[in-house]
Amino acid sequence: ASLKKNQKVILMCAIGGSLEVGTKLRPDKYPDGNQDPDRNFGRESRALKAAFEFINAGWSGKNICFVEGGLQQWRYQDFPMDGEDYE
C-alpha cells in the first residue's frame, strides 16, 4: 500500500528522539529534567530522521507525528502493546 501526502503518519523507533535539549523522560527521578551536555541539540533518532525524509519528500509537518521517547517510553508509561487489526 502506498501513502498519500495528505495522510497522517505516526513514526516510532526504539528511543523516539527529541528536539528538546535535556530530557524529561523520567519525571519520577528527575522532576526538573535531566540536563545532559551531550544533548545540547536534542536526541537524534531513526524516527526523527524518517520525519526529516518525509518533509524533504514534500509531506506537510502537520501530517507527521513521532512518539517522543519511542517504544521504550511507551512501555514505561504502560501503554498497550497489542493492537487491533483494521482493514
N, C-alpha and C. Protein backbone atom coordinates (compact mmCIF):
# COMPACT_ATOMS: atom_id res chain seq x y z
N ALA A 1 0.85 -1.19 0.00
CA ALA A 1 0.00 0.00 0.00
C ALA A 1 0.89 1.25 0.00
N SER A 2 0.48 2.22 -0.74
CA SER A 2 1.26 3.46 -0.77
C SER A 2 0.55 4.53 0.04
N LEU A 3 1.32 5.43 0.55
CA LEU A 3 0.78 6.53 1.36
C LEU A 3 0.60 7.77 0.50
N LYS A 4 -0.41 8.53 0.84
CA LYS A 4 -0.63 9.81 0.16
C LYS A 4 -0.12 10.92 1.07
N LYS A 5 0.37 11.99 0.47
CA LYS A 5 0.99 13.07 1.25
C LYS A 5 0.02 13.81 2.15
N ASN A 6 -1.29 13.62 1.97
CA ASN A 6 -2.26 14.27 2.85
C ASN A 6 -2.69 13.35 4.00
N GLN A 7 -2.12 12.14 4.06
CA GLN A 7 -2.42 11.23 5.16
C GLN A 7 -1.54 11.55 6.36
N LYS A 8 -2.05 11.25 7.55
CA LYS A 8 -1.25 11.40 8.76
C LYS A 8 -0.39 10.16 8.94
N VAL A 9 0.84 10.37 9.39
CA VAL A 9 1.79 9.29 9.60
C VAL A 9 2.33 9.42 11.02
N ILE A 10 2.38 8.29 11.73
CA ILE A 10 2.97 8.26 13.07
C ILE A 10 4.25 7.44 12.97
N LEU A 11 5.35 8.04 13.41
CA LEU A 11 6.66 7.39 13.35
C LEU A 11 7.12 7.03 14.75
N MET A 12 7.64 5.82 14.90
CA MET A 12 8.14 5.39 16.21
C MET A 12 9.38 4.53 15.99
N CYS A 13 10.37 4.74 16.82
CA CYS A 13 11.55 3.87 16.83
C CYS A 13 11.79 3.50 18.30
N ALA A 14 12.90 2.88 18.57
CA ALA A 14 13.18 2.42 19.93
C ALA A 14 13.30 3.56 20.93
N ILE A 15 14.02 4.66 20.55
CA ILE A 15 14.27 5.73 21.52
C ILE A 15 13.46 6.99 21.28
N GLY A 16 12.87 7.14 20.10
CA GLY A 16 11.98 8.27 19.84
C GLY A 16 12.65 9.57 19.50
N GLY A 17 13.71 9.91 20.16
CA GLY A 17 14.39 11.17 19.88
C GLY A 17 13.61 12.37 20.36
N SER A 18 14.26 13.51 20.28
CA SER A 18 13.64 14.76 20.72
C SER A 18 14.45 15.92 20.19
N LEU A 19 13.77 17.01 19.89
CA LEU A 19 14.46 18.24 19.53
C LEU A 19 14.72 19.10 20.76
N GLU A 20 14.17 18.68 21.88
CA GLU A 20 14.35 19.41 23.15
C GLU A 20 15.75 19.15 23.70
N VAL A 21 16.33 20.17 24.31
CA VAL A 21 17.61 19.96 24.99
C VAL A 21 17.32 19.37 26.37
N GLY A 22 18.24 18.56 26.85
CA GLY A 22 17.98 17.87 28.12
C GLY A 22 16.95 16.78 27.89
N THR A 23 16.47 16.18 28.93
CA THR A 23 15.46 15.13 28.81
C THR A 23 14.38 15.34 29.85
N LYS A 24 13.21 14.82 29.56
CA LYS A 24 12.10 14.88 30.51
C LYS A 24 11.43 13.52 30.62
N LEU A 25 12.17 12.47 30.34
CA LEU A 25 11.57 11.16 30.24
C LEU A 25 11.42 10.43 31.58
N ARG A 26 12.07 10.90 32.62
CA ARG A 26 11.96 10.27 33.93
C ARG A 26 11.58 11.30 34.98
N PRO A 27 10.34 11.82 34.93
CA PRO A 27 9.96 12.84 35.91
C PRO A 27 9.99 12.33 37.34
N ASP A 28 9.87 11.01 37.54
CA ASP A 28 9.96 10.46 38.89
C ASP A 28 11.37 10.58 39.45
N LYS A 29 12.37 10.46 38.57
CA LYS A 29 13.77 10.52 39.00
C LYS A 29 14.35 11.92 38.87
N TYR A 30 13.94 12.66 37.81
CA TYR A 30 14.45 14.00 37.55
C TYR A 30 13.27 14.96 37.38
N PRO A 31 12.68 15.46 38.45
CA PRO A 31 11.48 16.31 38.32
C PRO A 31 11.71 17.58 37.52
N ASP A 32 12.94 18.10 37.50
CA ASP A 32 13.23 19.31 36.73
C ASP A 32 13.88 19.00 35.38
N GLY A 33 13.87 17.73 34.99
CA GLY A 33 14.51 17.33 33.74
C GLY A 33 15.96 16.98 34.00
N ASN A 34 16.52 16.24 33.10
CA ASN A 34 17.91 15.81 33.21
C ASN A 34 18.72 16.61 32.21
N GLN A 35 19.60 17.48 32.66
CA GLN A 35 20.42 18.30 31.77
C GLN A 35 21.66 17.52 31.37
N ASP A 36 21.64 16.99 30.15
CA ASP A 36 22.72 16.18 29.63
C ASP A 36 23.48 17.00 28.59
N PRO A 37 24.76 17.32 28.81
CA PRO A 37 25.51 18.15 27.86
C PRO A 37 25.64 17.52 26.48
N ASP A 38 25.50 16.20 26.39
CA ASP A 38 25.56 15.53 25.09
C ASP A 38 24.29 15.75 24.28
N ARG A 39 23.28 16.33 24.90
CA ARG A 39 22.01 16.56 24.21
C ARG A 39 21.71 18.05 24.06
N ASN A 40 22.73 18.84 23.83
CA ASN A 40 22.54 20.28 23.65
C ASN A 40 21.70 20.59 22.42
N PHE A 41 21.63 19.66 21.48
CA PHE A 41 20.84 19.86 20.27
C PHE A 41 19.74 18.82 20.15
N GLY A 42 19.33 18.23 21.24
CA GLY A 42 18.30 17.21 21.22
C GLY A 42 18.91 15.81 21.18
N ARG A 43 18.05 14.84 20.88
CA ARG A 43 18.48 13.45 20.84
C ARG A 43 18.10 12.88 19.48
N GLU A 44 19.10 12.56 18.69
CA GLU A 44 18.87 12.03 17.35
C GLU A 44 18.25 10.64 17.42
N SER A 45 17.36 10.34 16.47
CA SER A 45 16.75 9.01 16.43
C SER A 45 16.33 8.68 15.00
N ARG A 46 16.02 7.42 14.78
CA ARG A 46 15.56 7.00 13.46
C ARG A 46 14.21 7.61 13.12
N ALA A 47 13.35 7.78 14.11
CA ALA A 47 12.03 8.38 13.84
C ALA A 47 12.19 9.84 13.39
N LEU A 48 13.08 10.59 14.02
CA LEU A 48 13.29 11.97 13.59
C LEU A 48 13.95 12.03 12.21
N LYS A 49 14.85 11.11 11.94
CA LYS A 49 15.45 11.05 10.60
C LYS A 49 14.39 10.74 9.56
N ALA A 50 13.49 9.82 9.87
CA ALA A 50 12.41 9.50 8.94
C ALA A 50 11.49 10.71 8.73
N ALA A 51 11.19 11.44 9.80
CA ALA A 51 10.37 12.65 9.66
C ALA A 51 11.05 13.66 8.74
N PHE A 52 12.35 13.81 8.88
CA PHE A 52 13.12 14.70 8.01
C PHE A 52 12.99 14.27 6.55
N GLU A 53 13.09 12.98 6.29
CA GLU A 53 12.98 12.46 4.93
C GLU A 53 11.57 12.68 4.37
N PHE A 54 10.53 12.48 5.19
CA PHE A 54 9.16 12.73 4.75
C PHE A 54 8.98 14.20 4.36
N ILE A 55 9.50 15.10 5.18
CA ILE A 55 9.36 16.54 4.89
C ILE A 55 10.13 16.89 3.62
N ASN A 56 11.32 16.33 3.44
CA ASN A 56 12.08 16.57 2.22
C ASN A 56 11.38 16.02 0.98
N ALA A 57 10.53 15.01 1.17
CA ALA A 57 9.79 14.42 0.06
C ALA A 57 8.49 15.18 -0.22
N GLY A 58 8.24 16.26 0.53
CA GLY A 58 7.08 17.10 0.25
C GLY A 58 5.91 16.95 1.19
N TRP A 59 6.05 16.15 2.23
CA TRP A 59 4.96 16.00 3.19
C TRP A 59 4.89 17.22 4.09
N SER A 60 3.69 17.52 4.55
CA SER A 60 3.50 18.63 5.49
C SER A 60 3.87 18.15 6.89
N GLY A 61 4.55 19.00 7.64
CA GLY A 61 4.87 18.68 9.02
C GLY A 61 3.63 18.46 9.87
N LYS A 62 2.50 19.00 9.44
CA LYS A 62 1.24 18.80 10.18
C LYS A 62 0.76 17.36 10.11
N ASN A 63 1.20 16.63 9.10
CA ASN A 63 0.76 15.25 8.92
C ASN A 63 1.76 14.23 9.44
N ILE A 64 2.84 14.70 10.05
CA ILE A 64 3.87 13.79 10.55
C ILE A 64 3.96 13.92 12.07
N CYS A 65 3.81 12.79 12.74
CA CYS A 65 3.93 12.76 14.21
C CYS A 65 4.94 11.68 14.56
N PHE A 66 5.66 11.90 15.64
CA PHE A 66 6.53 10.85 16.14
C PHE A 66 6.31 10.72 17.64
N VAL A 67 6.59 9.54 18.14
CA VAL A 67 6.38 9.25 19.56
C VAL A 67 7.65 9.60 20.31
N GLU A 68 7.60 10.71 21.05
CA GLU A 68 8.76 11.13 21.83
C GLU A 68 9.06 10.09 22.90
N GLY A 69 10.30 9.66 22.95
CA GLY A 69 10.68 8.62 23.90
C GLY A 69 10.60 7.23 23.29
N GLY A 70 9.95 7.12 22.14
CA GLY A 70 9.88 5.86 21.40
C GLY A 70 9.20 4.72 22.14
N LEU A 71 9.50 3.53 21.66
CA LEU A 71 8.89 2.34 22.22
C LEU A 71 9.27 2.14 23.68
N GLN A 72 10.49 2.51 24.05
CA GLN A 72 10.90 2.36 25.45
C GLN A 72 9.99 3.19 26.37
N GLN A 73 9.73 4.44 26.00
CA GLN A 73 8.87 5.30 26.82
C GLN A 73 7.43 4.80 26.80
N TRP A 74 6.99 4.31 25.65
CA TRP A 74 5.64 3.76 25.51
C TRP A 74 5.44 2.63 26.53
N ARG A 75 6.42 1.73 26.58
CA ARG A 75 6.34 0.61 27.54
C ARG A 75 6.42 1.12 28.97
N TYR A 76 7.31 2.07 29.24
CA TYR A 76 7.47 2.63 30.59
C TYR A 76 6.16 3.25 31.08
N GLN A 77 5.43 3.90 30.17
CA GLN A 77 4.14 4.52 30.53
C GLN A 77 3.03 3.49 30.63
N ASP A 78 3.35 2.23 30.35
CA ASP A 78 2.41 1.10 30.44
C ASP A 78 1.24 1.26 29.45
N PHE A 79 1.55 1.81 28.27
CA PHE A 79 0.55 1.89 27.21
C PHE A 79 0.40 0.51 26.58
N PRO A 80 -0.74 0.24 25.95
CA PRO A 80 -0.97 -1.10 25.40
C PRO A 80 0.02 -1.44 24.29
N MET A 81 0.41 -2.70 24.25
CA MET A 81 1.34 -3.17 23.23
C MET A 81 0.63 -3.96 22.14
N ASP A 82 -0.58 -4.40 22.40
CA ASP A 82 -1.35 -5.15 21.41
C ASP A 82 -2.35 -4.23 20.75
N GLY A 83 -2.52 -4.41 19.46
CA GLY A 83 -3.48 -3.59 18.73
C GLY A 83 -4.54 -4.45 18.08
N GLU A 84 -5.43 -3.79 17.40
CA GLU A 84 -6.48 -4.49 16.66
C GLU A 84 -6.14 -4.43 15.18
N ASP A 85 -6.57 -5.43 14.45
CA ASP A 85 -6.37 -5.44 13.00
C ASP A 85 -7.47 -4.62 12.34
N TYR A 86 -7.07 -3.71 11.49
CA TYR A 86 -8.01 -2.90 10.72
C TYR A 86 -7.77 -3.16 9.25
N GLU A 87 -8.84 -3.26 8.51
CA GLU A 87 -8.69 -3.43 7.06
C GLU A 87 -9.35 -2.32 6.31
